[in-house]
Each structure stands twice: as structure tokens, then as C-alpha cells.
């Protein structure tokens, strides 16, 4: 059974930094795209950043220049370094991986709360 486990959320002051981590476990043959999404109260879930198996990255305009996505293929892990955080970045952050396994599809983490407040 494939599982994604996230860590690294918390409370941070505006201008601060956080690093989110997400690791997949289970019988995994391979992982293609990985990404981070977020959902604030009353809003739809939105894409924050994604990264292909070849390392090509894509960012939402709202986080460009502040957030960096990276991956470790050997560990089946994806990371999100968040700098210069703003109150509007407050949300539950979810990782997503397209995993090739017995059942190949998009798998999601459980979500981690990020709160930016003074």
C-alpha cells in the first residue's frame, strides 16, 4: 500500500521561512510528477508548484521567487522551501505524486497546516 507522509508545517511570522517535506512509502515502481497544492478556508485547492521526473519546475505566480520545489528520487521525496512568507500563504498544504505502482494514479498526502501570522 502506497502512503505519502508530510511534515514541516507550523506557525511562522511574516517574512519567515518553512520547509515542507513529503515522502512516499510502499511498493513503488516509479514516480513521475510531484507537486504541492494548498487550500485556504473557503477557497478551492490550488496548485503551488510542481516538478517533473526530469527536474523541470513550474510555480504559481503568487509564489514565484519565494518558493522552491525540489525532489529526491532515491527517497521518493519532494520538498517545498518557502521563504518570505506572507499571511496570504496561510493554508493547508498537500503533496501529490503520480506513482507507478500496482495501482497507478495520483496519491495525496494528509495535509499540513501552514499559518503565517504575527
N, C-alpha and C. Protein backbone atom coordinates (compact mmCIF):
# COMPACT_ATOMS: atom_id res chain seq x y z
N UNK A 1 0.85 -1.20 0.00
CA UNK A 1 0.00 0.00 0.00
C UNK A 1 0.88 1.24 0.00
N UNK A 2 0.59 2.15 -0.88
CA UNK A 2 1.38 3.38 -1.00
C UNK A 2 0.84 4.45 -0.07
N UNK A 3 1.73 5.09 0.65
CA UNK A 3 1.34 6.18 1.55
C UNK A 3 2.29 7.35 1.36
N UNK A 4 1.74 8.56 1.49
CA UNK A 4 2.54 9.78 1.48
C UNK A 4 2.43 10.42 2.85
N UNK A 5 3.55 10.77 3.44
CA UNK A 5 3.57 11.38 4.76
C UNK A 5 4.28 12.73 4.66
N UNK A 6 3.57 13.76 5.13
CA UNK A 6 4.09 15.12 5.08
C UNK A 6 4.60 15.54 6.45
N UNK A 7 5.50 16.52 6.45
CA UNK A 7 5.96 17.12 7.69
C UNK A 7 6.47 18.53 7.39
N UNK A 8 6.60 19.33 8.45
CA UNK A 8 7.25 20.63 8.30
C UNK A 8 6.36 21.85 8.41
N UNK A 9 5.06 21.67 8.55
CA UNK A 9 4.19 22.83 8.69
C UNK A 9 4.32 23.46 10.07
N UNK A 10 3.62 24.58 10.26
CA UNK A 10 3.65 25.23 11.55
C UNK A 10 3.27 26.70 11.46
N UNK A 11 3.55 27.40 12.55
CA UNK A 11 3.25 28.83 12.66
C UNK A 11 4.55 29.61 12.46
N UNK A 12 4.49 30.61 11.60
CA UNK A 12 5.68 31.43 11.32
C UNK A 12 5.25 32.87 11.13
N UNK A 13 6.12 33.79 11.47
CA UNK A 13 5.82 35.21 11.31
C UNK A 13 6.00 35.62 9.84
N UNK A 14 5.31 36.66 9.43
CA UNK A 14 5.51 37.17 8.06
C UNK A 14 6.98 37.44 7.80
N UNK A 15 7.43 37.04 6.61
CA UNK A 15 8.84 37.18 6.27
C UNK A 15 9.68 35.98 6.63
N UNK A 16 9.11 35.07 7.38
CA UNK A 16 9.85 33.89 7.80
C UNK A 16 9.88 32.80 6.76
N UNK A 17 10.46 31.66 7.14
CA UNK A 17 10.64 30.53 6.22
C UNK A 17 10.18 29.23 6.86
N UNK A 18 9.75 28.32 6.01
CA UNK A 18 9.43 26.96 6.40
C UNK A 18 9.84 26.02 5.28
N UNK A 19 10.11 24.78 5.64
CA UNK A 19 10.42 23.76 4.63
C UNK A 19 9.50 22.57 4.85
N UNK A 20 8.72 22.28 3.83
CA UNK A 20 7.82 21.13 3.87
C UNK A 20 8.49 19.93 3.22
N UNK A 21 8.22 18.75 3.78
CA UNK A 21 8.74 17.51 3.22
C UNK A 21 7.61 16.53 3.02
N UNK A 22 7.78 15.67 2.05
CA UNK A 22 6.77 14.64 1.78
C UNK A 22 7.50 13.42 1.23
N UNK A 23 7.27 12.27 1.85
CA UNK A 23 7.94 11.05 1.42
C UNK A 23 6.91 9.96 1.17
N UNK A 24 7.14 9.20 0.12
CA UNK A 24 6.25 8.09 -0.22
C UNK A 24 6.87 6.77 0.22
N UNK A 25 6.01 5.87 0.66
CA UNK A 25 6.46 4.54 1.05
C UNK A 25 5.52 3.50 0.47
N UNK A 26 6.01 2.26 0.41
CA UNK A 26 5.20 1.18 -0.13
C UNK A 26 5.88 0.58 -1.35
N UNK A 27 5.14 -0.26 -2.04
CA UNK A 27 5.66 -0.94 -3.23
C UNK A 27 5.54 0.00 -4.44
N UNK A 28 6.60 0.74 -4.69
CA UNK A 28 6.60 1.79 -5.72
C UNK A 28 7.55 1.40 -6.83
N UNK A 29 7.06 1.40 -8.07
CA UNK A 29 7.91 1.10 -9.21
C UNK A 29 8.60 2.37 -9.72
N UNK A 30 7.93 3.50 -9.57
CA UNK A 30 8.49 4.75 -10.04
C UNK A 30 7.55 5.90 -9.73
N UNK A 31 8.08 7.12 -9.83
CA UNK A 31 7.29 8.32 -9.58
C UNK A 31 7.56 9.31 -10.71
N UNK A 32 6.51 9.80 -11.33
CA UNK A 32 6.71 10.82 -12.36
C UNK A 32 6.54 12.20 -11.72
N UNK A 33 5.47 12.89 -12.03
CA UNK A 33 5.31 14.25 -11.50
C UNK A 33 5.06 14.28 -10.00
N UNK A 34 5.63 15.29 -9.36
CA UNK A 34 5.37 15.57 -7.94
C UNK A 34 4.94 17.02 -7.84
N UNK A 35 4.13 17.32 -6.82
CA UNK A 35 3.69 18.70 -6.68
C UNK A 35 3.20 19.03 -5.29
N UNK A 36 3.02 20.31 -5.08
CA UNK A 36 2.44 20.82 -3.83
C UNK A 36 1.20 21.65 -4.18
N UNK A 37 0.18 21.46 -3.40
CA UNK A 37 -1.07 22.19 -3.53
C UNK A 37 -1.41 22.79 -2.18
N UNK A 38 -2.31 23.77 -2.18
CA UNK A 38 -2.76 24.34 -0.91
C UNK A 38 -4.22 24.70 -0.99
N UNK A 39 -4.84 24.72 0.18
CA UNK A 39 -6.25 25.08 0.27
C UNK A 39 -6.46 25.92 1.50
N UNK A 40 -6.90 27.15 1.30
CA UNK A 40 -7.24 28.05 2.39
C UNK A 40 -8.74 27.94 2.66
N UNK A 41 -9.17 28.28 3.88
CA UNK A 41 -10.60 28.19 4.21
C UNK A 41 -11.45 28.97 3.22
N UNK A 42 -12.48 28.31 2.71
CA UNK A 42 -13.39 28.97 1.78
C UNK A 42 -12.90 29.02 0.35
N UNK A 43 -11.69 28.50 0.11
CA UNK A 43 -11.13 28.53 -1.24
C UNK A 43 -10.99 27.12 -1.80
N UNK A 44 -10.88 27.05 -3.12
CA UNK A 44 -10.60 25.77 -3.76
C UNK A 44 -9.12 25.43 -3.62
N UNK A 45 -8.83 24.13 -3.72
CA UNK A 45 -7.44 23.71 -3.70
C UNK A 45 -6.74 24.24 -4.96
N UNK A 46 -5.54 24.78 -4.79
CA UNK A 46 -4.82 25.35 -5.92
C UNK A 46 -3.40 24.78 -5.98
N UNK A 47 -2.88 24.75 -7.18
CA UNK A 47 -1.51 24.28 -7.38
C UNK A 47 -0.53 25.37 -6.95
N UNK A 48 0.49 24.95 -6.22
CA UNK A 48 1.54 25.87 -5.79
C UNK A 48 2.79 25.71 -6.65
N UNK A 49 3.22 24.45 -6.79
CA UNK A 49 4.43 24.17 -7.57
C UNK A 49 4.42 22.70 -7.96
N UNK A 50 5.08 22.39 -9.08
CA UNK A 50 5.24 21.00 -9.45
C UNK A 50 6.59 20.79 -10.10
N UNK A 51 7.01 19.52 -10.14
CA UNK A 51 8.32 19.18 -10.68
C UNK A 51 8.22 17.84 -11.39
N UNK A 52 8.77 17.78 -12.59
CA UNK A 52 8.72 16.54 -13.36
C UNK A 52 9.86 15.61 -12.93
N UNK A 53 9.81 14.40 -13.45
CA UNK A 53 10.87 13.44 -13.14
C UNK A 53 12.23 13.93 -13.64
N UNK A 54 12.21 14.78 -14.65
CA UNK A 54 13.46 15.32 -15.18
C UNK A 54 13.93 16.57 -14.50
N UNK A 55 13.13 17.06 -13.55
CA UNK A 55 13.55 18.22 -12.78
C UNK A 55 12.99 19.55 -13.26
N UNK A 56 12.13 19.54 -14.27
CA UNK A 56 11.51 20.79 -14.72
C UNK A 56 10.48 21.24 -13.70
N UNK A 57 10.56 22.51 -13.33
CA UNK A 57 9.67 23.04 -12.29
C UNK A 57 8.70 24.06 -12.86
N UNK A 58 7.60 24.22 -12.13
CA UNK A 58 6.57 25.18 -12.51
C UNK A 58 5.98 25.74 -11.22
N UNK A 59 5.74 27.05 -11.20
CA UNK A 59 5.25 27.71 -9.98
C UNK A 59 4.03 28.56 -10.27
N UNK A 60 3.16 28.67 -9.27
CA UNK A 60 2.08 29.64 -9.33
C UNK A 60 2.70 31.04 -9.29
N UNK A 61 2.08 31.96 -9.96
CA UNK A 61 2.62 33.33 -10.00
C UNK A 61 2.76 33.92 -8.60
N UNK A 62 1.87 33.55 -7.71
CA UNK A 62 1.86 34.13 -6.37
C UNK A 62 3.05 33.71 -5.52
N UNK A 63 3.76 32.65 -5.92
CA UNK A 63 4.88 32.16 -5.10
C UNK A 63 6.22 32.22 -5.83
N UNK A 64 6.21 32.62 -7.08
CA UNK A 64 7.46 32.69 -7.85
C UNK A 64 8.47 33.59 -7.17
N UNK A 65 9.69 33.11 -7.08
CA UNK A 65 10.76 33.87 -6.45
C UNK A 65 10.83 33.72 -4.95
N UNK A 66 9.82 33.09 -4.36
CA UNK A 66 9.80 32.90 -2.90
C UNK A 66 9.85 31.42 -2.52
N UNK A 67 9.22 30.58 -3.31
CA UNK A 67 9.15 29.14 -3.00
C UNK A 67 10.04 28.37 -3.98
N UNK A 68 10.61 27.27 -3.50
CA UNK A 68 11.42 26.39 -4.35
C UNK A 68 11.02 24.95 -4.11
N UNK A 69 10.66 24.25 -5.17
CA UNK A 69 10.33 22.84 -5.08
C UNK A 69 11.54 22.03 -5.52
N UNK A 70 11.76 20.91 -4.84
CA UNK A 70 12.85 20.01 -5.21
C UNK A 70 12.43 18.58 -4.90
N UNK A 71 13.20 17.62 -5.42
CA UNK A 71 12.84 16.22 -5.19
C UNK A 71 14.10 15.39 -5.02
N UNK A 72 13.93 14.28 -4.32
CA UNK A 72 14.99 13.29 -4.16
C UNK A 72 14.42 11.97 -4.66
N UNK A 73 14.80 11.58 -5.85
CA UNK A 73 14.21 10.38 -6.45
C UNK A 73 14.59 9.11 -5.70
N UNK A 74 15.76 9.09 -5.12
CA UNK A 74 16.19 7.90 -4.38
C UNK A 74 15.34 7.67 -3.14
N UNK A 75 14.80 8.76 -2.60
CA UNK A 75 13.99 8.67 -1.39
C UNK A 75 12.50 8.78 -1.68
N UNK A 76 12.14 8.93 -2.96
CA UNK A 76 10.73 9.16 -3.33
C UNK A 76 10.16 10.30 -2.48
N UNK A 77 10.89 11.42 -2.47
CA UNK A 77 10.52 12.54 -1.62
C UNK A 77 10.47 13.83 -2.44
N UNK A 78 9.63 14.74 -1.96
CA UNK A 78 9.52 16.07 -2.56
C UNK A 78 9.53 17.09 -1.43
N UNK A 79 10.11 18.25 -1.72
CA UNK A 79 10.27 19.28 -0.70
C UNK A 79 9.75 20.61 -1.24
N UNK A 80 9.37 21.49 -0.31
CA UNK A 80 8.97 22.84 -0.68
C UNK A 80 9.61 23.80 0.31
N UNK A 81 10.59 24.54 -0.16
CA UNK A 81 11.22 25.58 0.64
C UNK A 81 10.44 26.87 0.44
N UNK A 82 9.91 27.40 1.51
CA UNK A 82 9.07 28.59 1.44
C UNK A 82 9.76 29.72 2.19
N UNK A 83 10.12 30.77 1.47
CA UNK A 83 10.77 31.94 2.05
C UNK A 83 9.87 33.17 1.90
N UNK A 84 10.18 34.20 2.64
CA UNK A 84 9.43 35.45 2.57
C UNK A 84 7.93 35.20 2.66
N UNK A 85 7.55 34.41 3.63
CA UNK A 85 6.15 34.02 3.75
C UNK A 85 5.25 35.20 4.08
N UNK A 86 4.03 35.16 3.52
CA UNK A 86 3.05 36.22 3.70
C UNK A 86 1.80 35.63 4.37
N UNK A 87 1.01 36.47 5.01
CA UNK A 87 -0.24 35.96 5.62
C UNK A 87 -1.13 35.23 4.60
N UNK A 88 -1.12 35.67 3.37
CA UNK A 88 -1.96 35.02 2.35
C UNK A 88 -1.45 33.65 1.94
N UNK A 89 -0.29 33.24 2.43
CA UNK A 89 0.20 31.88 2.20
C UNK A 89 -0.41 30.88 3.20
N UNK A 90 -1.13 31.39 4.17
CA UNK A 90 -1.76 30.52 5.17
C UNK A 90 -2.75 29.58 4.50
N UNK A 91 -2.56 28.28 4.75
CA UNK A 91 -3.40 27.26 4.12
C UNK A 91 -2.96 25.89 4.63
N UNK A 92 -3.74 24.89 4.27
CA UNK A 92 -3.30 23.50 4.42
C UNK A 92 -2.59 23.12 3.13
N UNK A 93 -1.37 22.62 3.26
CA UNK A 93 -0.56 22.26 2.10
C UNK A 93 -0.56 20.74 1.93
N UNK A 94 -0.78 20.32 0.69
CA UNK A 94 -0.84 18.90 0.35
C UNK A 94 0.23 18.58 -0.70
N UNK A 95 0.91 17.46 -0.52
CA UNK A 95 1.80 16.99 -1.58
C UNK A 95 1.04 15.98 -2.44
N UNK A 96 1.46 15.87 -3.67
CA UNK A 96 0.87 14.94 -4.63
C UNK A 96 1.99 14.30 -5.44
N UNK A 97 1.86 13.00 -5.66
CA UNK A 97 2.80 12.29 -6.51
C UNK A 97 2.03 11.38 -7.45
N UNK A 98 2.45 11.37 -8.70
CA UNK A 98 1.90 10.41 -9.64
C UNK A 98 2.79 9.17 -9.58
N UNK A 99 2.29 8.13 -8.91
CA UNK A 99 3.11 6.97 -8.58
C UNK A 99 2.74 5.79 -9.44
N UNK A 100 3.77 5.15 -9.98
CA UNK A 100 3.60 3.93 -10.74
C UNK A 100 3.74 2.76 -9.77
N UNK A 101 2.63 2.12 -9.51
CA UNK A 101 2.59 1.02 -8.55
C UNK A 101 1.57 0.00 -9.04
N UNK A 102 1.15 -0.87 -8.13
CA UNK A 102 0.13 -1.84 -8.53
C UNK A 102 -1.09 -1.09 -9.05
N UNK A 103 -1.43 0.00 -8.35
CA UNK A 103 -2.50 0.89 -8.81
C UNK A 103 -1.85 2.24 -9.11
N UNK A 104 -1.71 2.54 -10.36
CA UNK A 104 -1.02 3.76 -10.78
C UNK A 104 -2.00 4.91 -10.84
N UNK A 105 -1.79 5.91 -10.02
CA UNK A 105 -2.60 7.13 -10.08
C UNK A 105 -1.96 8.19 -9.20
N UNK A 106 -2.63 9.32 -9.02
CA UNK A 106 -2.14 10.39 -8.16
C UNK A 106 -2.43 10.03 -6.71
N UNK A 107 -1.39 10.11 -5.91
CA UNK A 107 -1.53 9.89 -4.48
C UNK A 107 -1.33 11.23 -3.75
N UNK A 108 -2.03 11.38 -2.63
CA UNK A 108 -2.01 12.65 -1.89
C UNK A 108 -1.55 12.43 -0.46
N UNK A 109 -0.84 13.44 0.07
CA UNK A 109 -0.50 13.44 1.47
C UNK A 109 -1.70 13.84 2.31
N UNK A 110 -1.51 13.78 3.63
CA UNK A 110 -2.62 14.04 4.55
C UNK A 110 -2.85 15.53 4.78
N UNK A 111 -1.90 16.34 4.35
CA UNK A 111 -2.03 17.79 4.54
C UNK A 111 -1.29 18.25 5.79
N UNK A 112 -0.69 19.42 5.69
CA UNK A 112 -0.02 20.02 6.83
C UNK A 112 -0.36 21.51 6.88
N UNK A 113 -0.68 22.00 8.06
CA UNK A 113 -1.12 23.39 8.21
C UNK A 113 0.08 24.34 8.23
N UNK A 114 -0.01 25.37 7.43
CA UNK A 114 0.97 26.46 7.45
C UNK A 114 0.21 27.73 7.80
N UNK A 115 0.62 28.37 8.88
CA UNK A 115 -0.03 29.61 9.33
C UNK A 115 1.03 30.71 9.40
N UNK A 116 0.77 31.79 8.68
CA UNK A 116 1.69 32.93 8.67
C UNK A 116 0.98 34.09 9.38
N UNK A 117 1.48 34.42 10.56
CA UNK A 117 0.81 35.43 11.37
C UNK A 117 1.79 36.01 12.37
N UNK A 118 1.57 37.29 12.69
CA UNK A 118 2.40 37.93 13.71
C UNK A 118 1.72 37.86 15.07
